[in-house]
């Protein structure tokens, strides 16, 4: 978890998505409303976050799960 947080540090959209979905269990629409994101920003950020999670899983030899 700390590694992922380090990877997304500084990217406000990724931090908001990570905080909303991974730490608070919010759904897509809730994250969009809570953080005033556009659907496009959320979707692009989610793709970037999934790439980071996938790379992290490979680095630490973990199994990946879909969000």
N, C-alpha and C. Protein backbone atom coordinates (compact mmCIF):
# COMPACT_ATOMS: atom_id res chain seq x y z
N UNK A 1 0.83 -1.19 0.00
CA UNK A 1 0.00 0.00 0.00
C UNK A 1 0.88 1.25 0.00
N UNK A 2 1.90 1.26 0.81
CA UNK A 2 2.79 2.42 0.88
C UNK A 2 3.49 2.66 -0.45
N UNK A 3 3.87 1.56 -1.13
CA UNK A 3 4.53 1.70 -2.42
C UNK A 3 3.60 2.37 -3.43
N UNK A 4 2.37 1.94 -3.47
CA UNK A 4 1.39 2.52 -4.41
C UNK A 4 1.18 4.00 -4.08
N UNK A 5 1.04 4.31 -2.80
CA UNK A 5 0.86 5.70 -2.41
C UNK A 5 2.05 6.55 -2.83
N UNK A 6 3.25 6.00 -2.76
CA UNK A 6 4.43 6.71 -3.23
C UNK A 6 4.42 6.93 -4.73
N UNK A 7 3.92 5.94 -5.45
CA UNK A 7 3.87 6.04 -6.92
C UNK A 7 2.87 7.09 -7.40
N UNK A 8 1.79 7.27 -6.67
CA UNK A 8 0.76 8.21 -7.12
C UNK A 8 0.92 9.59 -6.50
N UNK A 9 1.85 9.72 -5.59
CA UNK A 9 2.04 11.00 -4.90
C UNK A 9 2.30 12.11 -5.91
N UNK A 10 1.60 13.20 -5.75
CA UNK A 10 1.76 14.34 -6.64
C UNK A 10 0.75 14.41 -7.77
N UNK A 11 0.07 13.30 -8.05
CA UNK A 11 -0.96 13.29 -9.08
C UNK A 11 -2.31 13.36 -8.36
N UNK A 12 -2.87 14.54 -8.33
CA UNK A 12 -4.08 14.81 -7.55
C UNK A 12 -5.24 13.88 -7.91
N UNK A 13 -5.45 13.66 -9.19
CA UNK A 13 -6.56 12.82 -9.63
C UNK A 13 -6.36 11.39 -9.16
N UNK A 14 -5.15 10.86 -9.34
CA UNK A 14 -4.89 9.49 -8.88
C UNK A 14 -5.03 9.36 -7.38
N UNK A 15 -4.56 10.36 -6.66
CA UNK A 15 -4.68 10.33 -5.20
C UNK A 15 -6.15 10.31 -4.78
N UNK A 16 -6.97 11.10 -5.44
CA UNK A 16 -8.39 11.15 -5.11
C UNK A 16 -9.09 9.83 -5.43
N UNK A 17 -8.78 9.26 -6.58
CA UNK A 17 -9.39 7.99 -6.96
C UNK A 17 -8.94 6.89 -6.00
N UNK A 18 -7.66 6.85 -5.70
CA UNK A 18 -7.13 5.84 -4.77
C UNK A 18 -7.78 5.99 -3.40
N UNK A 19 -7.86 7.19 -2.93
CA UNK A 19 -8.47 7.46 -1.63
C UNK A 19 -9.94 7.04 -1.63
N UNK A 20 -10.65 7.41 -2.67
CA UNK A 20 -12.08 7.11 -2.75
C UNK A 20 -12.38 5.64 -2.90
N UNK A 21 -11.74 4.98 -3.85
CA UNK A 21 -12.07 3.59 -4.16
C UNK A 21 -11.35 2.61 -3.24
N UNK A 22 -10.06 2.73 -3.17
CA UNK A 22 -9.27 1.72 -2.45
C UNK A 22 -9.35 1.86 -0.94
N UNK A 23 -9.40 3.07 -0.45
CA UNK A 23 -9.39 3.25 1.00
C UNK A 23 -10.78 3.44 1.60
N UNK A 24 -11.70 4.04 0.84
CA UNK A 24 -13.03 4.32 1.38
C UNK A 24 -14.14 3.49 0.75
N UNK A 25 -13.81 2.72 -0.28
CA UNK A 25 -14.80 1.83 -0.89
C UNK A 25 -15.91 2.54 -1.66
N UNK A 26 -15.65 3.75 -2.14
CA UNK A 26 -16.67 4.49 -2.89
C UNK A 26 -16.81 3.92 -4.29
N UNK A 27 -17.95 4.14 -4.87
CA UNK A 27 -18.21 3.75 -6.26
C UNK A 27 -17.82 4.91 -7.18
N UNK A 28 -17.75 4.62 -8.47
CA UNK A 28 -17.31 5.59 -9.47
C UNK A 28 -18.06 6.91 -9.34
N UNK A 29 -19.38 6.85 -9.35
CA UNK A 29 -20.17 8.09 -9.31
C UNK A 29 -19.92 8.86 -8.01
N UNK A 30 -19.70 8.12 -6.92
CA UNK A 30 -19.44 8.78 -5.64
C UNK A 30 -18.11 9.51 -5.63
N UNK A 31 -17.10 8.89 -6.24
CA UNK A 31 -15.78 9.54 -6.34
C UNK A 31 -15.89 10.78 -7.20
N UNK A 32 -16.59 10.67 -8.33
CA UNK A 32 -16.76 11.81 -9.23
C UNK A 32 -17.45 12.97 -8.50
N UNK A 33 -18.49 12.67 -7.76
CA UNK A 33 -19.21 13.72 -7.03
C UNK A 33 -18.38 14.27 -5.87
N UNK A 34 -17.77 13.39 -5.10
CA UNK A 34 -17.01 13.78 -3.90
C UNK A 34 -15.84 14.71 -4.24
N UNK A 35 -15.14 14.41 -5.34
CA UNK A 35 -13.94 15.15 -5.68
C UNK A 35 -14.12 16.08 -6.89
N UNK A 36 -15.36 16.25 -7.33
CA UNK A 36 -15.65 17.13 -8.47
C UNK A 36 -14.82 16.80 -9.71
N UNK A 37 -14.80 15.55 -10.07
CA UNK A 37 -14.06 15.11 -11.25
C UNK A 37 -15.02 14.98 -12.43
N UNK A 38 -14.50 15.17 -13.62
CA UNK A 38 -15.31 14.86 -14.80
C UNK A 38 -15.22 13.35 -15.02
N UNK A 39 -16.17 12.81 -15.75
CA UNK A 39 -16.13 11.38 -16.04
C UNK A 39 -14.87 11.03 -16.82
N UNK A 40 -14.47 11.89 -17.73
CA UNK A 40 -13.27 11.66 -18.53
C UNK A 40 -12.03 11.62 -17.63
N UNK A 41 -11.92 12.59 -16.71
CA UNK A 41 -10.77 12.60 -15.79
C UNK A 41 -10.74 11.35 -14.93
N UNK A 42 -11.91 10.93 -14.45
CA UNK A 42 -11.97 9.72 -13.64
C UNK A 42 -11.52 8.51 -14.45
N UNK A 43 -12.06 8.35 -15.65
CA UNK A 43 -11.74 7.18 -16.48
C UNK A 43 -10.26 7.14 -16.84
N UNK A 44 -9.70 8.29 -17.21
CA UNK A 44 -8.26 8.33 -17.53
C UNK A 44 -7.42 8.04 -16.29
N UNK A 45 -7.81 8.62 -15.17
CA UNK A 45 -7.09 8.38 -13.92
C UNK A 45 -7.18 6.93 -13.49
N UNK A 46 -8.33 6.33 -13.67
CA UNK A 46 -8.51 4.93 -13.30
C UNK A 46 -7.63 4.02 -14.14
N UNK A 47 -7.49 4.32 -15.43
CA UNK A 47 -6.60 3.53 -16.28
C UNK A 47 -5.15 3.66 -15.80
N UNK A 48 -4.74 4.89 -15.46
CA UNK A 48 -3.38 5.09 -14.97
C UNK A 48 -3.17 4.37 -13.63
N UNK A 49 -4.16 4.42 -12.76
CA UNK A 49 -4.06 3.76 -11.47
C UNK A 49 -3.96 2.25 -11.65
N UNK A 50 -4.75 1.69 -12.55
CA UNK A 50 -4.69 0.25 -12.77
C UNK A 50 -3.34 -0.17 -13.35
N UNK A 51 -2.74 0.68 -14.17
CA UNK A 51 -1.40 0.40 -14.68
C UNK A 51 -0.40 0.37 -13.53
N UNK A 52 -0.47 1.33 -12.64
CA UNK A 52 0.42 1.38 -11.48
C UNK A 52 0.20 0.15 -10.59
N UNK A 53 -1.05 -0.22 -10.36
CA UNK A 53 -1.34 -1.39 -9.53
C UNK A 53 -0.82 -2.67 -10.18
N UNK A 54 -0.96 -2.76 -11.49
CA UNK A 54 -0.47 -3.93 -12.20
C UNK A 54 1.05 -4.03 -12.12
N UNK A 55 1.74 -2.92 -12.34
CA UNK A 55 3.21 -2.90 -12.23
C UNK A 55 3.66 -3.24 -10.81
N UNK A 56 2.94 -2.73 -9.84
CA UNK A 56 3.27 -3.00 -8.44
C UNK A 56 3.10 -4.49 -8.14
N UNK A 57 2.03 -5.07 -8.63
CA UNK A 57 1.80 -6.50 -8.41
C UNK A 57 2.92 -7.33 -9.03
N UNK A 58 3.37 -6.98 -10.22
CA UNK A 58 4.46 -7.70 -10.87
C UNK A 58 5.76 -7.52 -10.09
N UNK A 59 6.02 -6.30 -9.64
CA UNK A 59 7.26 -6.00 -8.91
C UNK A 59 7.36 -6.84 -7.64
N UNK A 60 6.24 -6.99 -6.93
CA UNK A 60 6.25 -7.71 -5.66
C UNK A 60 5.73 -9.13 -5.81
N UNK A 61 5.56 -9.59 -7.07
CA UNK A 61 5.10 -10.93 -7.37
C UNK A 61 3.78 -11.25 -6.67
N UNK A 62 2.82 -10.34 -6.83
CA UNK A 62 1.50 -10.48 -6.23
C UNK A 62 0.48 -10.83 -7.31
N UNK A 63 -0.62 -11.42 -6.91
CA UNK A 63 -1.72 -11.66 -7.85
C UNK A 63 -2.51 -10.37 -7.98
N UNK A 64 -2.97 -10.07 -9.20
CA UNK A 64 -3.74 -8.86 -9.43
C UNK A 64 -5.23 -9.16 -9.34
N UNK A 65 -5.98 -8.16 -8.90
CA UNK A 65 -7.43 -8.23 -8.88
C UNK A 65 -7.96 -6.99 -9.56
N UNK A 66 -9.09 -7.13 -10.17
CA UNK A 66 -9.72 -5.99 -10.81
C UNK A 66 -10.43 -5.14 -9.76
N UNK A 67 -10.36 -3.81 -9.94
CA UNK A 67 -11.04 -2.91 -9.00
C UNK A 67 -12.49 -2.87 -9.29
